[in-house]
Amino acid sequence: MTQQVAILDDEEIVVRTPEEFHRAPKAYQKMLISQVMINSEGELSGGDDYTMMFLPMAPNAEERQVCAERAVEEYDHYKIGKKVLADIGVDTTYMETQRLEDRNLFADQGLHTCTTWAERGVFSYIGEEAALLMIREFSDSSYKPWADAVRTIILDERVHIAHGARVCRNLAATEEGREQLQAAVDRLWPTFIGVFGNPNSKKAELAIRYGLRKTTNAQARDEWIRTVSQRITNLGLRVPVTEGV
């Protein structure tokens, strides 16, 4: 039987191997599994977004190729998380047979029902910044196998955001394009905010204590708003009002 020893409040937590993970506090184990599961599910759904939603609306072969390339990266990110979880005894293969609308936590909020090319650009330029912000925190995770694994994901996500920026800048060159972008930002903004969860979450505070995160939900949300607000105004658009901020 694996013996677990309490971690004192003034101690830093470092977990270097799956074996050490199973000796960590149950609350730590549960939180780490949830974190990697949610991220992996999001990456798998991201691959489906690029293949099932964005690729069919792409205006030319060049943009179809970009969507296909981004999808390959998203599926690879899912496999990275899948491996980290498998090493600690968690199987995610059931996700691979689910439909997108049945799998994703945010499907009912409209994030995975983009219908315009402007929304495709905003999804990547503004929305994927939220994912990158959190993944950067994971790169300093107290669970070292996860910290090491996400560094490849960070590099790819920067490219995803850059492609979204290109789509948005091209559209922003015309008044009609800016109108399309503003409509996209306005519709998707509440969903992007929802990605950060409850701003008063006690679980987020515990994740910080365990070294699995650096910021609370509210701090992460506010940092994201500061970053993307500059991008939105630079495109000649209006930043939506966020209740409670």
Protein backbone atom coordinates (compact mmCIF):
# COMPACT_ATOMS: atom_id res chain seq x y z
CA MET A 1 0.00 0.00 0.00
CA THR A 2 1.35 3.43 -0.98
CA GLN A 3 2.09 5.58 2.07
CA GLN A 4 1.15 9.26 1.78
CA VAL A 5 2.87 11.85 3.95
CA ALA A 6 1.32 15.25 4.58
CA ILE A 7 2.94 18.33 3.02
CA LEU A 8 3.40 21.19 5.46
CA ASP A 9 2.05 24.63 4.61
CA ASP A 10 5.49 26.24 4.33
CA GLU A 11 6.88 23.60 1.94
CA GLU A 12 7.31 23.79 -1.81
CA ILE A 13 5.94 20.80 -3.71
CA VAL A 14 7.99 18.99 -6.35
CA VAL A 15 6.74 15.77 -7.95
CA ARG A 16 9.19 14.34 -10.47
CA THR A 17 7.83 10.91 -11.42
CA PRO A 18 4.55 8.98 -11.69
CA GLU A 19 5.67 6.98 -8.67
CA GLU A 20 6.02 10.15 -6.61
CA PHE A 21 2.64 11.30 -7.91
CA HIS A 22 0.97 8.31 -6.28
CA ARG A 23 2.57 9.29 -2.96
CA ALA A 24 1.32 12.88 -3.20
CA PRO A 25 -1.79 14.02 -1.29
CA LYS A 26 -5.08 12.82 -2.77
CA ALA A 27 -6.19 16.41 -3.33
CA TYR A 28 -3.02 17.05 -5.37
CA GLN A 29 -3.59 13.93 -7.45
CA LYS A 30 -7.22 14.80 -8.14
CA MET A 31 -6.39 18.38 -9.10
CA LEU A 32 -3.54 17.43 -11.45
CA ILE A 33 -5.64 14.78 -13.19
CA SER A 34 -8.51 17.24 -13.66
CA GLN A 35 -6.16 19.89 -15.05
CA VAL A 36 -4.53 17.61 -17.61
CA MET A 37 -7.87 16.01 -18.54
CA ILE A 38 -9.52 19.37 -19.24
CA ASN A 39 -6.55 20.56 -21.29
CA SER A 40 -6.35 17.30 -23.25
CA GLU A 41 -10.06 17.36 -23.98
CA GLY A 42 -9.72 20.93 -25.19
CA GLU A 43 -6.83 20.02 -27.49
CA LEU A 44 -8.74 17.11 -29.01
CA SER A 45 -11.77 19.33 -29.56
CA GLY A 46 -9.47 21.97 -31.03
CA GLY A 47 -8.36 19.49 -33.68
CA ASP A 48 -11.99 18.79 -34.50
CA ASP A 49 -12.67 22.54 -34.69
CA TYR A 50 -10.02 23.00 -37.36
CA THR A 51 -11.08 19.99 -39.43
CA MET A 52 -14.87 20.07 -39.03
CA MET A 53 -15.60 23.77 -38.55
CA PHE A 54 -12.85 25.97 -39.99
CA LEU A 55 -11.55 23.91 -42.90
CA PRO A 56 -14.92 23.69 -44.71
CA MET A 57 -15.36 27.49 -44.58
CA ALA A 58 -11.78 28.28 -45.66
CA PRO A 59 -11.85 30.49 -48.78
CA ASN A 60 -8.99 28.85 -50.68
CA ALA A 61 -6.51 25.96 -50.74
CA GLU A 62 -3.87 27.91 -48.82
CA GLU A 63 -6.22 28.50 -45.89
CA ARG A 64 -7.42 24.89 -46.00
CA GLN A 65 -3.82 23.76 -45.68
CA VAL A 66 -3.30 26.06 -42.69
CA CYS A 67 -6.39 24.62 -41.00
CA ALA A 68 -5.20 21.08 -41.67
CA GLU A 69 -1.74 21.83 -40.27
CA ARG A 70 -3.18 23.39 -37.12
CA ALA A 71 -5.47 20.38 -36.66
CA VAL A 72 -2.51 17.99 -36.77
CA GLU A 73 -0.83 20.01 -34.03
CA GLU A 74 -3.94 20.05 -31.86
CA TYR A 75 -4.31 16.28 -32.13
CA ASP A 76 -0.64 15.91 -31.23
CA HIS A 77 -1.20 18.11 -28.16
CA TYR A 78 -4.00 15.80 -27.12
CA LYS A 79 -1.66 12.81 -27.44
CA ILE A 80 0.90 14.58 -25.26
CA GLY A 81 -1.66 14.96 -22.47
CA LYS A 82 -2.92 11.43 -23.06
CA LYS A 83 0.61 10.08 -22.46
CA VAL A 84 1.06 12.08 -19.24
CA LEU A 85 -2.25 10.74 -17.94
CA ALA A 86 -1.58 7.17 -19.06
CA ASP A 87 1.66 7.17 -17.07
CA ILE A 88 -0.35 7.80 -13.88
CA GLY A 89 -3.04 5.26 -14.74
CA VAL A 90 -5.69 7.45 -16.40
CA ASP A 91 -7.14 6.39 -19.78
CA THR A 92 -8.59 9.06 -22.11
CA THR A 93 -9.21 6.95 -25.22
CA TYR A 94 -12.98 7.18 -24.67
CA MET A 95 -12.77 10.82 -25.72
CA GLU A 96 -11.65 9.80 -29.18
CA THR A 97 -14.99 8.16 -30.00
CA GLN A 98 -17.13 11.02 -28.69
CA ARG A 99 -18.76 13.62 -30.88
CA LEU A 100 -17.45 17.17 -30.46
CA GLU A 101 -20.76 18.43 -29.08
CA ASP A 102 -20.83 15.62 -26.50
CA ARG A 103 -17.24 16.03 -25.41
CA ASN A 104 -16.38 19.65 -24.91
CA LEU A 105 -17.16 21.48 -21.70
CA PHE A 106 -17.98 24.70 -23.54
CA ALA A 107 -19.90 23.35 -26.52
CA ASP A 108 -23.22 24.61 -25.18
CA GLN A 109 -21.85 28.16 -24.99
CA GLY A 110 -21.31 28.44 -28.74
CA LEU A 111 -17.52 28.38 -28.88
CA HIS A 112 -17.56 25.40 -31.23
CA THR A 113 -20.26 26.75 -33.56
CA CYS A 114 -18.34 29.45 -35.41
CA THR A 115 -20.02 30.22 -38.73
CA THR A 116 -17.94 33.02 -40.31
CA TRP A 117 -14.33 33.43 -41.37
CA ALA A 118 -14.12 36.44 -39.06
CA GLU A 119 -15.04 34.18 -36.14
CA ARG A 120 -12.33 31.78 -37.23
CA GLY A 121 -9.78 34.61 -36.96
CA VAL A 122 -11.09 35.83 -33.61
CA PHE A 123 -11.22 32.26 -32.25
CA SER A 124 -7.46 31.88 -32.82
CA TYR A 125 -6.21 35.44 -32.26
CA ILE A 126 -8.28 36.19 -29.16
CA GLY A 127 -9.64 32.87 -27.89
CA GLU A 128 -6.53 30.71 -28.17
CA GLU A 129 -4.63 33.35 -26.19
CA ALA A 130 -6.67 32.20 -23.18
CA ALA A 131 -5.42 28.65 -23.70
CA LEU A 132 -1.83 29.81 -24.13
CA LEU A 133 -1.98 31.84 -20.93
CA MET A 134 -2.93 28.77 -18.92
CA ILE A 135 -0.50 26.45 -20.69
CA ARG A 136 2.36 28.82 -19.89
CA GLU A 137 1.49 28.37 -16.22
CA PHE A 138 1.57 24.60 -16.65
CA SER A 139 5.17 24.85 -17.91
CA ASP A 140 6.15 25.71 -14.32
CA SER A 141 4.02 22.95 -12.82
CA SER A 142 5.20 21.17 -9.69
CA TYR A 143 4.43 17.93 -11.59
CA LYS A 144 7.57 17.85 -13.74
CA PRO A 145 6.40 15.38 -16.43
CA TRP A 146 3.52 17.76 -17.23
CA ALA A 147 5.76 20.86 -17.12
CA ASP A 148 8.18 19.24 -19.57
CA ALA A 149 5.40 18.00 -21.86
CA VAL A 150 3.66 21.33 -22.43
CA ARG A 151 6.69 23.19 -23.77
CA THR A 152 6.10 21.84 -27.28
CA ILE A 153 2.45 22.85 -27.02
CA ILE A 154 3.42 26.44 -26.19
CA LEU A 155 5.49 26.79 -29.36
CA ASP A 156 2.63 25.52 -31.53
CA GLU A 157 -0.02 27.67 -29.84
CA ARG A 158 1.98 30.79 -30.63
CA VAL A 159 1.77 29.85 -34.30
CA HIS A 160 -1.99 29.26 -34.02
CA ILE A 161 -2.44 32.75 -32.59
CA ALA A 162 -0.24 34.26 -35.30
CA HIS A 163 -2.43 32.73 -38.01
CA GLY A 164 -5.51 34.11 -36.32
CA ALA A 165 -3.85 37.52 -36.21
CA ARG A 166 -3.19 37.33 -39.95
CA VAL A 167 -6.82 36.51 -40.70
CA CYS A 168 -8.02 39.36 -38.48
CA ARG A 169 -5.60 41.94 -39.91
CA ASN A 170 -6.58 41.04 -43.46
CA LEU A 171 -10.26 41.51 -42.64
CA ALA A 172 -9.61 44.74 -40.70
CA ALA A 173 -8.30 46.39 -43.87
CA THR A 174 -11.89 47.12 -44.97
CA GLU A 175 -14.92 48.59 -43.23
CA GLU A 176 -16.98 45.51 -44.06
CA GLY A 177 -14.29 43.29 -42.60
CA ARG A 178 -14.13 45.31 -39.39
CA GLU A 179 -17.90 45.00 -39.03
CA GLN A 180 -17.59 41.23 -39.37
CA LEU A 181 -14.80 41.14 -36.81
CA GLN A 182 -16.73 43.28 -34.34
CA ALA A 183 -19.72 40.96 -34.62
CA ALA A 184 -17.42 37.99 -34.04
CA VAL A 185 -15.78 39.56 -30.98
CA ASP A 186 -19.13 40.56 -29.50
CA ARG A 187 -20.64 37.09 -29.92
CA LEU A 188 -17.65 35.08 -28.71
CA TRP A 189 -16.48 37.35 -25.89
CA PRO A 190 -18.79 35.94 -23.17
CA THR A 191 -17.70 32.41 -24.05
CA PHE A 192 -14.02 33.36 -23.87
CA ILE A 193 -14.64 34.89 -20.44
CA GLY A 194 -16.42 31.69 -19.40
CA VAL A 195 -13.30 29.64 -20.13
CA PHE A 196 -11.71 31.08 -16.98
CA GLY A 197 -14.44 29.68 -14.75
CA ASN A 198 -15.56 31.01 -11.40
CA PRO A 199 -13.41 34.05 -10.51
CA ASN A 200 -13.75 33.16 -6.81
CA SER A 201 -12.84 29.50 -7.16
CA LYS A 202 -11.25 27.97 -4.07
CA LYS A 203 -9.90 25.14 -6.20
CA ALA A 204 -7.77 27.61 -8.15
CA GLU A 205 -6.33 28.89 -4.89
CA LEU A 206 -5.47 25.34 -3.85
CA ALA A 207 -3.86 24.72 -7.24
CA ILE A 208 -1.59 27.69 -6.57
CA ARG A 209 -0.69 26.25 -3.17
CA TYR A 210 0.22 22.95 -4.83
CA GLY A 211 2.32 24.63 -7.53
CA LEU A 212 -0.03 23.55 -10.33
CA ARG A 213 -0.92 27.13 -11.23
CA LYS A 214 0.46 30.65 -10.78
CA THR A 215 -2.73 32.75 -10.79
CA THR A 216 -6.34 32.60 -9.63
CA ASN A 217 -9.14 32.44 -12.18
CA ALA A 218 -9.80 36.16 -11.77
CA GLN A 219 -6.13 37.07 -12.17
CA ALA A 220 -5.79 34.93 -15.30
CA ARG A 221 -8.97 36.42 -16.77
CA ASP A 222 -7.82 39.98 -16.10
CA GLU A 223 -4.39 39.32 -17.62
CA TRP A 224 -6.07 37.90 -20.72
CA ILE A 225 -8.38 40.92 -21.01
CA ARG A 226 -5.40 43.30 -20.82
CA THR A 227 -3.57 41.40 -23.56
CA VAL A 228 -6.43 40.95 -26.02
CA SER A 229 -7.91 44.41 -25.46
CA GLN A 230 -4.79 45.89 -27.06
CA ARG A 231 -5.21 43.57 -30.04
CA ILE A 232 -8.87 44.44 -30.44
CA THR A 233 -8.32 48.21 -30.36
CA ASN A 234 -5.37 47.87 -32.73
CA LEU A 235 -7.76 46.31 -35.25
CA GLY A 236 -10.01 49.35 -34.96
CA LEU A 237 -12.63 47.49 -32.94
CA ARG A 238 -14.45 48.08 -29.65
CA VAL A 239 -13.64 45.97 -26.59
CA PRO A 240 -16.84 44.44 -25.15
CA VAL A 241 -17.84 45.33 -21.62
CA THR A 242 -17.21 42.55 -19.11
CA GLU A 243 -19.59 42.41 -16.15
CA GLY A 244 -17.91 42.37 -12.78
CA VAL A 245 -14.52 43.56 -14.08
